[in-house]
Amino acid sequence: MNFIINIDISENLDIMGNMEPIDVFKALSNETRLNILKWLKKPEKHFPKQGAHLPKEVSIKGGVCVGDIQEKAKASQSTVSQYLNMMQNAGLLESVRYGQWTYYRRNEENLSRLADYFKTEI
């Protein structure tokens, strides 16, 4: 006997906003990417003070320069850039660019949506 199960995921997409669950899970399926997300939760604990070379009017609150993330991750610049891009595309991170410097921080709004998704759907 065969069963066909139809699942309506439209409600899930509302909870997740613009995030695709599979993209989020892929982004979190690598230990270094997961660590980056953890480190960015408390950047003051895991990274040096940020923004020393930026004007005072530029706000990067919670943001960490790619170079500092690369150093902590002990990975090549290209690998870390690829990881950060994947995480940003999944909706987990957001970036602020100023001149040649790019700072990444957690997208707390989307992470809250992800937590709600786990509570209600998984």
N, C-alpha and C. Protein backbone atom coordinates (compact mmCIF):
# COMPACT_ATOMS: atom_id res chain seq x y z
N MET A 1 0.84 -1.17 0.00
CA MET A 1 0.00 0.00 0.00
C MET A 1 0.89 1.24 0.00
N ASN A 2 0.63 2.16 -0.89
CA ASN A 2 1.40 3.40 -0.99
C ASN A 2 0.58 4.57 -0.46
N PHE A 3 1.24 5.46 0.24
CA PHE A 3 0.59 6.66 0.76
C PHE A 3 1.23 7.88 0.13
N ILE A 4 0.43 8.84 -0.19
CA ILE A 4 0.93 10.12 -0.67
C ILE A 4 0.58 11.16 0.37
N ILE A 5 1.61 11.87 0.81
CA ILE A 5 1.41 12.90 1.82
C ILE A 5 1.72 14.25 1.21
N ASN A 6 0.78 15.14 1.26
CA ASN A 6 0.99 16.50 0.80
C ASN A 6 1.20 17.41 2.01
N ILE A 7 2.26 18.17 1.97
CA ILE A 7 2.55 19.09 3.06
C ILE A 7 2.52 20.51 2.53
N ASP A 8 1.72 21.34 3.16
CA ASP A 8 1.64 22.74 2.79
C ASP A 8 2.68 23.51 3.59
N ILE A 9 3.73 24.00 2.91
CA ILE A 9 4.78 24.72 3.62
C ILE A 9 4.60 26.23 3.54
N SER A 10 3.48 26.70 3.02
CA SER A 10 3.29 28.14 2.89
C SER A 10 3.31 28.84 4.23
N GLU A 11 2.78 28.18 5.28
CA GLU A 11 2.83 28.78 6.61
C GLU A 11 4.27 28.88 7.10
N ASN A 12 5.08 27.87 6.81
CA ASN A 12 6.48 27.88 7.22
C ASN A 12 7.21 29.07 6.62
N LEU A 13 6.91 29.36 5.36
CA LEU A 13 7.59 30.46 4.70
C LEU A 13 7.22 31.80 5.33
N ASP A 14 5.99 31.93 5.84
CA ASP A 14 5.60 33.15 6.52
C ASP A 14 6.41 33.32 7.81
N ILE A 15 6.58 32.25 8.54
CA ILE A 15 7.36 32.29 9.78
C ILE A 15 8.80 32.67 9.47
N MET A 16 9.35 32.10 8.42
CA MET A 16 10.76 32.30 8.08
C MET A 16 11.01 33.60 7.32
N GLY A 17 9.96 34.32 6.96
CA GLY A 17 10.17 35.56 6.20
C GLY A 17 10.79 35.24 4.86
N ASN A 18 11.90 35.91 4.55
CA ASN A 18 12.56 35.70 3.25
C ASN A 18 13.61 34.59 3.30
N MET A 19 13.66 33.84 4.39
CA MET A 19 14.65 32.78 4.53
C MET A 19 14.08 31.45 4.05
N GLU A 20 14.88 30.70 3.33
CA GLU A 20 14.51 29.36 2.90
C GLU A 20 15.09 28.37 3.90
N PRO A 21 14.27 27.53 4.50
CA PRO A 21 14.78 26.60 5.52
C PRO A 21 15.98 25.78 5.06
N ILE A 22 15.96 25.25 3.85
CA ILE A 22 17.07 24.42 3.36
C ILE A 22 18.36 25.22 3.29
N ASP A 23 18.28 26.49 2.85
CA ASP A 23 19.48 27.33 2.77
C ASP A 23 20.04 27.60 4.16
N VAL A 24 19.16 27.80 5.13
CA VAL A 24 19.60 28.03 6.51
C VAL A 24 20.29 26.79 7.04
N PHE A 25 19.68 25.63 6.84
CA PHE A 25 20.26 24.40 7.35
C PHE A 25 21.60 24.08 6.69
N LYS A 26 21.70 24.36 5.39
CA LYS A 26 22.98 24.17 4.70
C LYS A 26 24.05 25.08 5.28
N ALA A 27 23.68 26.33 5.53
CA ALA A 27 24.64 27.29 6.07
C ALA A 27 25.12 26.88 7.46
N LEU A 28 24.25 26.26 8.22
CA LEU A 28 24.59 25.85 9.59
C LEU A 28 25.21 24.45 9.67
N SER A 29 25.34 23.78 8.52
CA SER A 29 25.83 22.40 8.53
C SER A 29 27.35 22.29 8.51
N ASN A 30 28.03 23.40 8.66
CA ASN A 30 29.49 23.42 8.68
C ASN A 30 29.94 23.98 10.03
N GLU A 31 30.88 23.30 10.67
CA GLU A 31 31.30 23.70 12.03
C GLU A 31 31.84 25.13 12.08
N THR A 32 32.63 25.51 11.09
CA THR A 32 33.19 26.87 11.09
C THR A 32 32.10 27.91 10.93
N ARG A 33 31.16 27.68 10.03
CA ARG A 33 30.06 28.65 9.85
C ARG A 33 29.22 28.73 11.13
N LEU A 34 28.96 27.61 11.75
CA LEU A 34 28.22 27.61 13.00
C LEU A 34 28.99 28.38 14.08
N ASN A 35 30.29 28.17 14.15
CA ASN A 35 31.12 28.91 15.10
C ASN A 35 31.09 30.41 14.84
N ILE A 36 31.15 30.80 13.58
CA ILE A 36 31.09 32.23 13.24
C ILE A 36 29.80 32.83 13.78
N LEU A 37 28.70 32.15 13.60
CA LEU A 37 27.41 32.64 14.11
C LEU A 37 27.46 32.76 15.64
N LYS A 38 28.05 31.77 16.29
CA LYS A 38 28.19 31.82 17.75
C LYS A 38 29.09 32.97 18.19
N TRP A 39 30.23 33.13 17.53
CA TRP A 39 31.16 34.20 17.88
C TRP A 39 30.53 35.57 17.72
N LEU A 40 29.73 35.73 16.67
CA LEU A 40 29.10 37.03 16.41
C LEU A 40 27.98 37.34 17.41
N LYS A 41 27.56 36.35 18.18
CA LYS A 41 26.55 36.62 19.21
C LYS A 41 27.13 37.54 20.27
N LYS A 42 28.41 37.35 20.60
CA LYS A 42 29.10 38.20 21.58
C LYS A 42 30.44 38.62 20.98
N PRO A 43 30.40 39.54 20.01
CA PRO A 43 31.64 39.90 19.31
C PRO A 43 32.70 40.51 20.23
N GLU A 44 32.25 41.23 21.26
CA GLU A 44 33.21 41.86 22.18
C GLU A 44 34.03 40.82 22.94
N LYS A 45 33.50 39.62 23.08
CA LYS A 45 34.19 38.54 23.78
C LYS A 45 35.17 37.81 22.87
N HIS A 46 34.85 37.73 21.58
CA HIS A 46 35.61 36.88 20.66
C HIS A 46 36.52 37.62 19.68
N PHE A 47 36.34 38.93 19.55
CA PHE A 47 37.10 39.69 18.55
C PHE A 47 37.67 40.97 19.17
N PRO A 48 38.72 41.51 18.54
CA PRO A 48 39.24 42.80 19.02
C PRO A 48 38.22 43.92 18.81
N LYS A 49 38.42 45.02 19.48
CA LYS A 49 37.55 46.19 19.31
C LYS A 49 37.52 46.57 17.83
N GLN A 50 36.34 46.88 17.34
CA GLN A 50 36.13 47.13 15.91
C GLN A 50 36.02 48.63 15.60
N GLY A 51 36.32 48.97 14.36
CA GLY A 51 36.04 50.30 13.83
C GLY A 51 37.07 51.36 14.12
N ALA A 52 38.28 50.99 14.50
CA ALA A 52 39.31 51.98 14.84
C ALA A 52 39.63 52.89 13.66
N HIS A 53 39.48 52.41 12.46
CA HIS A 53 39.81 53.17 11.25
C HIS A 53 38.60 53.84 10.61
N LEU A 54 37.45 53.82 11.28
CA LEU A 54 36.23 54.39 10.71
C LEU A 54 35.90 55.73 11.37
N PRO A 55 35.27 56.63 10.61
CA PRO A 55 34.82 57.90 11.22
C PRO A 55 33.76 57.63 12.29
N LYS A 56 33.64 58.54 13.25
CA LYS A 56 32.72 58.35 14.37
C LYS A 56 31.26 58.24 13.93
N GLU A 57 30.90 58.86 12.81
CA GLU A 57 29.50 58.85 12.38
C GLU A 57 29.08 57.53 11.73
N VAL A 58 30.02 56.63 11.48
CA VAL A 58 29.70 55.35 10.87
C VAL A 58 29.44 54.32 11.97
N SER A 59 28.22 53.76 11.98
CA SER A 59 27.84 52.79 13.00
C SER A 59 27.97 51.37 12.47
N ILE A 60 28.72 50.57 13.17
CA ILE A 60 28.87 49.15 12.81
C ILE A 60 28.54 48.29 14.02
N LYS A 61 27.61 48.76 14.83
CA LYS A 61 27.29 48.08 16.09
C LYS A 61 27.13 46.57 15.90
N GLY A 62 27.95 45.83 16.63
CA GLY A 62 27.90 44.38 16.54
C GLY A 62 28.61 43.80 15.35
N GLY A 63 29.10 44.66 14.46
CA GLY A 63 29.76 44.18 13.26
C GLY A 63 31.23 43.87 13.48
N VAL A 64 31.71 42.87 12.78
CA VAL A 64 33.11 42.45 12.88
C VAL A 64 33.70 42.42 11.47
N CYS A 65 34.89 42.97 11.35
CA CYS A 65 35.60 43.02 10.07
C CYS A 65 35.93 41.61 9.59
N VAL A 66 35.83 41.41 8.30
CA VAL A 66 36.09 40.10 7.70
C VAL A 66 37.47 39.58 8.11
N GLY A 67 38.47 40.45 8.14
CA GLY A 67 39.82 40.02 8.49
C GLY A 67 39.90 39.43 9.88
N ASP A 68 39.16 40.00 10.83
CA ASP A 68 39.16 39.46 12.19
C ASP A 68 38.43 38.12 12.27
N ILE A 69 37.37 37.98 11.47
CA ILE A 69 36.66 36.70 11.42
C ILE A 69 37.57 35.64 10.81
N GLN A 70 38.27 36.02 9.75
CA GLN A 70 39.19 35.10 9.08
C GLN A 70 40.27 34.63 10.05
N GLU A 71 40.84 35.56 10.79
CA GLU A 71 41.90 35.20 11.74
C GLU A 71 41.40 34.22 12.80
N LYS A 72 40.22 34.49 13.34
CA LYS A 72 39.65 33.62 14.38
C LYS A 72 39.30 32.24 13.82
N ALA A 73 38.80 32.22 12.59
CA ALA A 73 38.39 30.96 11.96
C ALA A 73 39.59 30.13 11.48
N LYS A 74 40.75 30.78 11.38
CA LYS A 74 41.95 30.09 10.88
C LYS A 74 41.69 29.45 9.51
N ALA A 75 41.10 30.24 8.64
CA ALA A 75 40.80 29.78 7.29
C ALA A 75 41.23 30.86 6.30
N SER A 76 41.33 30.50 5.04
CA SER A 76 41.76 31.47 4.03
C SER A 76 40.71 32.56 3.84
N GLN A 77 41.15 33.68 3.30
CA GLN A 77 40.24 34.81 3.05
C GLN A 77 39.12 34.39 2.11
N SER A 78 39.44 33.63 1.07
CA SER A 78 38.41 33.23 0.11
C SER A 78 37.39 32.29 0.74
N THR A 79 37.86 31.39 1.60
CA THR A 79 36.94 30.46 2.27
C THR A 79 36.01 31.22 3.21
N VAL A 80 36.57 32.11 4.01
CA VAL A 80 35.74 32.88 4.96
C VAL A 80 34.76 33.76 4.20
N SER A 81 35.20 34.39 3.13
CA SER A 81 34.29 35.23 2.33
C SER A 81 33.15 34.40 1.76
N GLN A 82 33.46 33.19 1.30
CA GLN A 82 32.42 32.30 0.78
C GLN A 82 31.44 31.91 1.90
N TYR A 83 31.97 31.59 3.07
CA TYR A 83 31.12 31.23 4.21
C TYR A 83 30.21 32.39 4.59
N LEU A 84 30.77 33.59 4.70
CA LEU A 84 29.99 34.76 5.10
C LEU A 84 28.91 35.08 4.07
N ASN A 85 29.26 34.95 2.81
CA ASN A 85 28.29 35.19 1.73
C ASN A 85 27.15 34.19 1.81
N MET A 86 27.47 32.92 2.03
CA MET A 86 26.45 31.88 2.15
C MET A 86 25.52 32.17 3.32
N MET A 87 26.09 32.57 4.44
CA MET A 87 25.30 32.85 5.63
C MET A 87 24.44 34.10 5.44
N GLN A 88 24.97 35.09 4.74
CA GLN A 88 24.18 36.28 4.46
C GLN A 88 23.03 35.95 3.50
N ASN A 89 23.32 35.18 2.47
CA ASN A 89 22.27 34.78 1.52
C ASN A 89 21.18 33.96 2.18
N ALA A 90 21.54 33.20 3.21
CA ALA A 90 20.56 32.39 3.96
C ALA A 90 19.76 33.26 4.93
N GLY A 91 20.19 34.51 5.14
CA GLY A 91 19.46 35.42 6.03
C GLY A 91 19.98 35.44 7.46
N LEU A 92 21.09 34.74 7.72
CA LEU A 92 21.61 34.66 9.09
C LEU A 92 22.47 35.87 9.47
N LEU A 93 23.09 36.49 8.48
CA LEU A 93 23.98 37.63 8.72
C LEU A 93 23.57 38.81 7.87
N GLU A 94 24.01 39.98 8.28
CA GLU A 94 23.88 41.18 7.46
C GLU A 94 25.24 41.85 7.46
N SER A 95 25.49 42.67 6.45
CA SER A 95 26.79 43.30 6.34
C SER A 95 26.64 44.81 6.18
N VAL A 96 27.70 45.49 6.61
CA VAL A 96 27.81 46.93 6.44
C VAL A 96 29.16 47.16 5.77
N ARG A 97 29.15 47.87 4.67
CA ARG A 97 30.40 48.15 3.96
C ARG A 97 30.72 49.62 4.08
N TYR A 98 31.98 49.89 4.40
CA TYR A 98 32.47 51.26 4.43
C TYR A 98 33.84 51.28 3.77
N GLY A 99 33.91 51.89 2.58
CA GLY A 99 35.17 51.89 1.84
C GLY A 99 35.60 50.47 1.54
N GLN A 100 36.81 50.14 1.91
CA GLN A 100 37.33 48.78 1.64
C GLN A 100 36.96 47.80 2.73
N TRP A 101 36.32 48.26 3.78
CA TRP A 101 36.03 47.41 4.94
C TRP A 101 34.59 46.91 4.90
N THR A 102 34.42 45.63 5.15
CA THR A 102 33.09 45.05 5.28
C THR A 102 32.98 44.41 6.65
N TYR A 103 31.90 44.74 7.34
CA TYR A 103 31.64 44.23 8.68
C TYR A 103 30.39 43.36 8.64
N TYR A 104 30.45 42.23 9.30
CA TYR A 104 29.31 41.32 9.37
C TYR A 104 28.80 41.26 10.80
N ARG A 105 27.49 41.13 10.91
CA ARG A 105 26.85 40.92 12.21
C ARG A 105 25.66 39.99 12.00
N ARG A 106 25.20 39.46 13.10
CA ARG A 106 24.04 38.56 13.06
C ARG A 106 22.79 39.35 12.67
N ASN A 107 21.91 38.70 11.93
CA ASN A 107 20.61 39.28 11.61
C ASN A 107 19.65 38.76 12.68
N GLU A 108 19.55 39.50 13.77
CA GLU A 108 18.79 39.03 14.93
C GLU A 108 17.31 38.85 14.62
N GLU A 109 16.76 39.68 13.76
CA GLU A 109 15.34 39.53 13.39
C GLU A 109 15.11 38.18 12.72
N ASN A 110 15.96 37.82 11.79
CA ASN A 110 15.81 36.53 11.11
C ASN A 110 16.13 35.36 12.03
N LEU A 111 17.08 35.53 12.92
CA LEU A 111 17.38 34.45 13.88
C LEU A 111 16.20 34.22 14.82
N SER A 112 15.48 35.28 15.16
CA SER A 112 14.27 35.14 15.97
C SER A 112 13.20 34.37 15.19
N ARG A 113 13.09 34.67 13.90
CA ARG A 113 12.14 33.93 13.05
C ARG A 113 12.52 32.46 12.99
N LEU A 114 13.82 32.19 12.90
CA LEU A 114 14.28 30.81 12.85
C LEU A 114 13.92 30.08 14.15
N ALA A 115 14.09 30.75 15.28
CA ALA A 115 13.73 30.16 16.57
C ALA A 115 12.23 29.86 16.61
N ASP A 116 11.42 30.78 16.10
CA ASP A 116 9.97 30.55 16.05
C ASP A 116 9.63 29.36 15.15
N TYR A 117 10.34 29.25 14.05
CA TYR A 117 10.14 28.13 13.12
C TYR A 117 10.40 26.81 13.85
N PHE A 118 11.49 26.74 14.60
CA PHE A 118 11.79 25.52 15.36
C PHE A 118 10.72 25.23 16.40
N LYS A 119 10.24 26.26 17.07
CA LYS A 119 9.23 26.06 18.11
C LYS A 119 7.91 25.55 17.55
N THR A 120 7.54 26.04 16.38
CA THR A 120 6.22 25.73 15.85
C THR A 120 6.19 24.65 14.78
N GLU A 121 7.29 24.45 14.07
CA GLU A 121 7.23 23.57 12.91
C GLU A 121 8.08 22.31 13.03
N ILE A 122 9.05 22.32 13.89
CA ILE A 122 9.97 21.15 13.96
C ILE A 122 9.88 20.54 15.35
